[in-house]
C-alpha atoms as a PDB file:
ATOM      1  CA  MET A   1       0.000   0.000   0.000  1.00  0.00           C
ATOM      2  CA  ALA A   2       1.392   3.388  -0.990  1.00  0.00           C
ATOM      3  CA  MET A   3       1.591   6.350   1.355  1.00  0.00           C
ATOM      4  CA  GLU A   4      -1.503   8.542   1.354  1.00  0.00           C
ATOM      5  CA  ARG A   5      -1.609  12.088   2.739  1.00  0.00           C
ATOM      6  CA  THR A   6      -4.825  13.795   3.790  1.00  0.00           C
ATOM      7  CA  ALA A   7      -4.802  17.467   4.720  1.00  0.00           C
ATOM      8  CA  VAL A   8      -6.710  18.437   7.861  1.00  0.00           C
ATOM      9  CA  ASN A   9      -7.851  22.066   7.788  1.00  0.00           C
ATOM     10  CA  PRO A  10     -10.841  23.130   9.860  1.00  0.00           C
ATOM     11  CA  TRP A  11     -10.101  26.704   8.655  1.00  0.00           C
ATOM     12  CA  ALA A  12      -9.036  27.921   5.212  1.00  0.00           C
ATOM     13  CA  TRP A  13      -6.687  30.721   6.322  1.00  0.00           C
ATOM     14  CA  SER A  14      -3.675  28.461   6.909  1.00  0.00           C
ATOM     15  CA  VAL A  15      -3.887  26.994   3.399  1.00  0.00           C
ATOM     16  CA  GLU A  16      -3.700  30.543   2.039  1.00  0.00           C
ATOM     17  CA  MET A  17      -0.455  30.972   4.028  1.00  0.00           C
ATOM     18  CA  GLY A  18       0.994  27.752   2.593  1.00  0.00           C
ATOM     19  CA  TYR A  19       0.540  25.196   5.344  1.00  0.00           C
ATOM     20  CA  ASN A  20      -1.961  22.664   6.637  1.00  0.00           C
ATOM     21  CA  GLN A  21      -3.169  22.518  10.224  1.00  0.00           C
ATOM     22  CA  GLY A  22      -2.473  18.789  10.179  1.00  0.00           C
ATOM     23  CA  GLU A  23      -1.790  15.874   7.883  1.00  0.00           C
ATOM     24  CA  VAL A  24      -2.908  12.288   8.269  1.00  0.00           C
ATOM     25  CA  VAL A  25      -0.362   9.898   6.761  1.00  0.00           C
ATOM     26  CA  SER A  26      -1.478   6.324   6.169  1.00  0.00           C
ATOM     27  CA  GLY A  27      -0.266   3.252   4.338  1.00  0.00           C
ATOM     28  CA  GLN A  28       3.150   1.612   4.335  1.00  0.00           C
ATOM     29  CA  THR A  29       5.641   4.363   5.147  1.00  0.00           C
ATOM     30  CA  ARG A  30       9.205   5.295   6.064  1.00  0.00           C
ATOM     31  CA  THR A  31       9.661   8.286   8.371  1.00  0.00           C
ATOM     32  CA  LEU A  32      12.686  10.587   8.479  1.00  0.00           C
ATOM     33  CA  TYR A  33      13.181  12.916  11.448  1.00  0.00           C
ATOM     34  CA  CYS A  34      15.594  15.659  10.395  1.00  0.00           C
ATOM     35  CA  SER A  35      17.824  17.586  12.772  1.00  0.00           C
ATOM     36  CA  GLY A  36      17.508  21.347  12.630  1.00  0.00           C
ATOM     37  CA  GLN A  37      19.128  22.696   9.478  1.00  0.00           C
ATOM     38  CA  THR A  38      20.733  26.134   9.442  1.00  0.00           C
ATOM     39  CA  ALA A  39      22.787  28.281   7.073  1.00  0.00           C
ATOM     40  CA  MET A  40      25.930  26.154   7.413  1.00  0.00           C
ATOM     41  CA  SER A  41      28.343  25.465   4.584  1.00  0.00           C
ATOM     42  CA  GLY A  42      29.331  21.922   3.678  1.00  0.00           C
ATOM     43  CA  ASP A  43      32.399  22.280   5.903  1.00  0.00           C
ATOM     44  CA  GLY A  44      30.348  23.332   8.947  1.00  0.00           C
ATOM     45  CA  ARG A  45      30.816  27.101   8.866  1.00  0.00           C
ATOM     46  CA  PRO A  46      27.955  29.577   9.341  1.00  0.00           C
ATOM     47  CA  ARG A  47      27.129  31.603   6.224  1.00  0.00           C
ATOM     48  CA  HIS A  48      25.315  34.832   5.356  1.00  0.00           C
ATOM     49  CA  ALA A  49      25.520  36.714   8.680  1.00  0.00           C
ATOM     50  CA  GLY A  50      22.777  39.341   8.795  1.00  0.00           C
ATOM     51  CA  ASP A  51      21.032  38.147   5.600  1.00  0.00           C
ATOM     52  CA  MET A  52      17.773  36.448   6.556  1.00  0.00           C
ATOM     53  CA  ALA A  53      16.739  35.606   2.968  1.00  0.00           C
ATOM     54  CA  ALA A  54      20.070  33.930   2.196  1.00  0.00           C
ATOM     55  CA  GLN A  55      20.076  32.059   5.513  1.00  0.00           C
ATOM     56  CA  LEU A  56      16.532  30.838   4.924  1.00  0.00           C
ATOM     57  CA  ALA A  57      17.388  29.662   1.402  1.00  0.00           C
ATOM     58  CA  LEU A  58      20.550  27.834   2.538  1.00  0.00           C
ATOM     59  CA  SER A  59      18.771  26.273   5.532  1.00  0.00           C
ATOM     60  CA  LEU A  60      16.097  24.956   3.191  1.00  0.00           C
ATOM     61  CA  GLY A  61      18.759  23.738   0.775  1.00  0.00           C
ATOM     62  CA  ASN A  62      20.451  21.880   3.610  1.00  0.00           C
ATOM     63  CA  LEU A  63      17.120  20.332   4.632  1.00  0.00           C
ATOM     64  CA  GLU A  64      16.654  19.227   1.009  1.00  0.00           C
ATOM     65  CA  ALA A  65      20.129  17.657   1.077  1.00  0.00           C
ATOM     66  CA  VAL A  66      19.239  15.570   4.136  1.00  0.00           C
ATOM     67  CA  LEU A  67      15.963  14.548   2.505  1.00  0.00           C
ATOM     68  CA  GLY A  68      17.813  13.661  -0.689  1.00  0.00           C
ATOM     69  CA  GLU A  69      20.289  11.429   1.175  1.00  0.00           C
ATOM     70  CA  ALA A  70      17.272   9.459   2.417  1.00  0.00           C
ATOM     71  CA  GLY A  71      15.774   9.205  -1.078  1.00  0.00           C
ATOM     72  CA  MET A  72      13.145  11.846  -0.334  1.00  0.00           C
ATOM     73  CA  SER A  73      12.408  15.446  -1.318  1.00  0.00           C
ATOM     74  CA  LEU A  74      10.464  18.442  -0.034  1.00  0.00           C
ATOM     75  CA  ALA A  75       7.374  16.686  -1.422  1.00  0.00           C
ATOM     76  CA  ASN A  76       7.726  14.166   1.452  1.00  0.00           C
ATOM     77  CA  LEU A  77       7.789  16.831   4.171  1.00  0.00           C
ATOM     78  CA  VAL A  78       4.792  16.459   6.516  1.00  0.00           C
ATOM     79  CA  ARG A  79       6.008  18.591   9.445  1.00  0.00           C
ATOM     80  CA  LEU A  80       8.193  21.697   9.564  1.00  0.00           C
ATOM     81  CA  ASN A  81       9.332  23.545  12.676  1.00  0.00           C
ATOM     82  CA  VAL A  82      10.819  26.983  12.055  1.00  0.00           C
ATOM     83  CA  TYR A  83      12.936  28.627  14.742  1.00  0.00           C
ATOM     84  CA  THR A  84      14.056  32.225  14.285  1.00  0.00           C
ATOM     85  CA  THR A  85      15.765  34.929  16.278  1.00  0.00           C
ATOM     86  CA  ASP A  86      13.715  37.589  14.438  1.00  0.00           C
ATOM     87  CA  VAL A  87      10.117  36.737  13.568  1.00  0.00           C
ATOM     88  CA  GLU A  88       9.456  40.050  11.792  1.00  0.00           C
ATOM     89  CA  ARG A  89      12.479  39.682   9.486  1.00  0.00           C
ATOM     90  CA  LEU A  90      11.552  36.082   8.789  1.00  0.00           C
ATOM     91  CA  PHE A  91       8.042  37.114   7.711  1.00  0.00           C
ATOM     92  CA  GLU A  92       9.611  39.681   5.341  1.00  0.00           C
ATOM     93  CA  HIS A  93      11.378  36.805   3.573  1.00  0.00           C
ATOM     94  CA  TYR A  94       8.871  33.988   4.155  1.00  0.00           C
ATOM     95  CA  GLY A  95       8.193  33.869   0.409  1.00  0.00           C
ATOM     96  CA  VAL A  96      11.594  32.169  -0.014  1.00  0.00           C
ATOM     97  CA  LEU A  97      10.266  29.224   1.988  1.00  0.00           C
ATOM     98  CA  ALA A  98       6.657  29.312   0.809  1.00  0.00           C
ATOM     99  CA  SER A  99       7.576  29.386  -2.891  1.00  0.00           C
ATOM    100  CA  ARG A 100       9.890  26.371  -2.655  1.00  0.00           C
ATOM    101  CA  LEU A 101       7.341  24.385  -0.667  1.00  0.00           C
ATOM    102  CA  GLY A 102       4.644  25.386  -3.138  1.00  0.00           C
ATOM    103  CA  ALA A 103       6.818  24.321  -6.083  1.00  0.00           C
ATOM    104  CA  ALA A 104       7.179  20.928  -4.391  1.00  0.00           C
ATOM    105  CA  GLY A 105       3.391  20.730  -4.062  1.00  0.00           C
ATOM    106  CA  VAL A 106       3.517  20.474  -0.292  1.00  0.00           C
ATOM    107  CA  ALA A 107       2.044  22.445   2.612  1.00  0.00           C
ATOM    108  CA  PRO A 108       3.379  20.693   5.739  1.00  0.00           C
ATOM    109  CA  SER A 109       1.941  21.371   9.156  1.00  0.00           C
ATOM    110  CA  THR A 110       4.197  24.109  10.511  1.00  0.00           C
ATOM    111  CA  THR A 111       5.122  25.767  13.793  1.00  0.00           C
ATOM    112  CA  MET A 112       7.160  28.959  13.929  1.00  0.00           C
ATOM    113  CA  LEU A 113       8.870  29.984  17.136  1.00  0.00           C
ATOM    114  CA  GLY A 114      10.818  33.109  18.016  1.00  0.00           C
ATOM    115  CA  VAL A 115      13.872  32.191  20.086  1.00  0.00           C
ATOM    116  CA  THR A 116      16.504  34.212  21.909  1.00  0.00           C
ATOM    117  CA  ARG A 117      19.346  32.671  19.917  1.00  0.00           C
ATOM    118  CA  LEU A 118      20.380  29.586  18.001  1.00  0.00           C
ATOM    119  CA  ALA A 119      23.418  27.390  18.642  1.00  0.00           C
ATOM    120  CA  ILE A 120      25.726  29.738  16.718  1.00  0.00           C
ATOM    121  CA  PRO A 121      25.114  33.458  17.373  1.00  0.00           C
ATOM    122  CA  ASP A 122      25.192  34.634  13.690  1.00  0.00           C
ATOM    123  CA  LEU A 123      22.454  32.182  12.705  1.00  0.00           C
ATOM    124  CA  MET A 124      18.926  33.588  12.508  1.00  0.00           C
ATOM    125  CA  VAL A 125      16.810  30.653  11.293  1.00  0.00           C
ATOM    126  CA  GLU A 126      16.682  26.884  11.781  1.00  0.00           C
ATOM    127  CA  LEU A 127      14.395  24.421  10.003  1.00  0.00           C
ATOM    128  CA  GLU A 128      13.499  21.057  11.526  1.00  0.00           C
ATOM    129  CA  GLY A 129      11.482  18.646   9.424  1.00  0.00           C
ATOM    130  CA  THR A 130       9.725  15.300   9.451  1.00  0.00           C
ATOM    131  CA  ALA A 131       9.265  13.516   6.139  1.00  0.00           C
ATOM    132  CA  VAL A 132       7.299  10.410   5.220  1.00  0.00           C
ATOM    133  CA  ALA A 133       7.646   8.250   2.117  1.00  0.00           C
END
């Protein structure tokens, strides 16, 4: 039996913002729990200090790399946690995230949290995902 995803949205407003309130996943599945991905280079150095859009894009690229190593893609993402040190700046650049998720045809259930800081002080955003295939 293949994986089946069913969006759960008692309200329409979240769909307009690019995410579902919940997703029911059924069938035979594999689940990948991804560590938080940030704007780190391949050699483990923080990148793009002060540039929220670039950090968001690289963090998402790094999440895609982890998904790819597991034979998955953004299309398999069912849960996304977003941690940021600046919620207002993140919302200014949220289109970076929303457009790539939309292109993948996915609207994972999402939580966004403002935090005091991330593990490395120059980092402003961290993406933590759960994917099912």
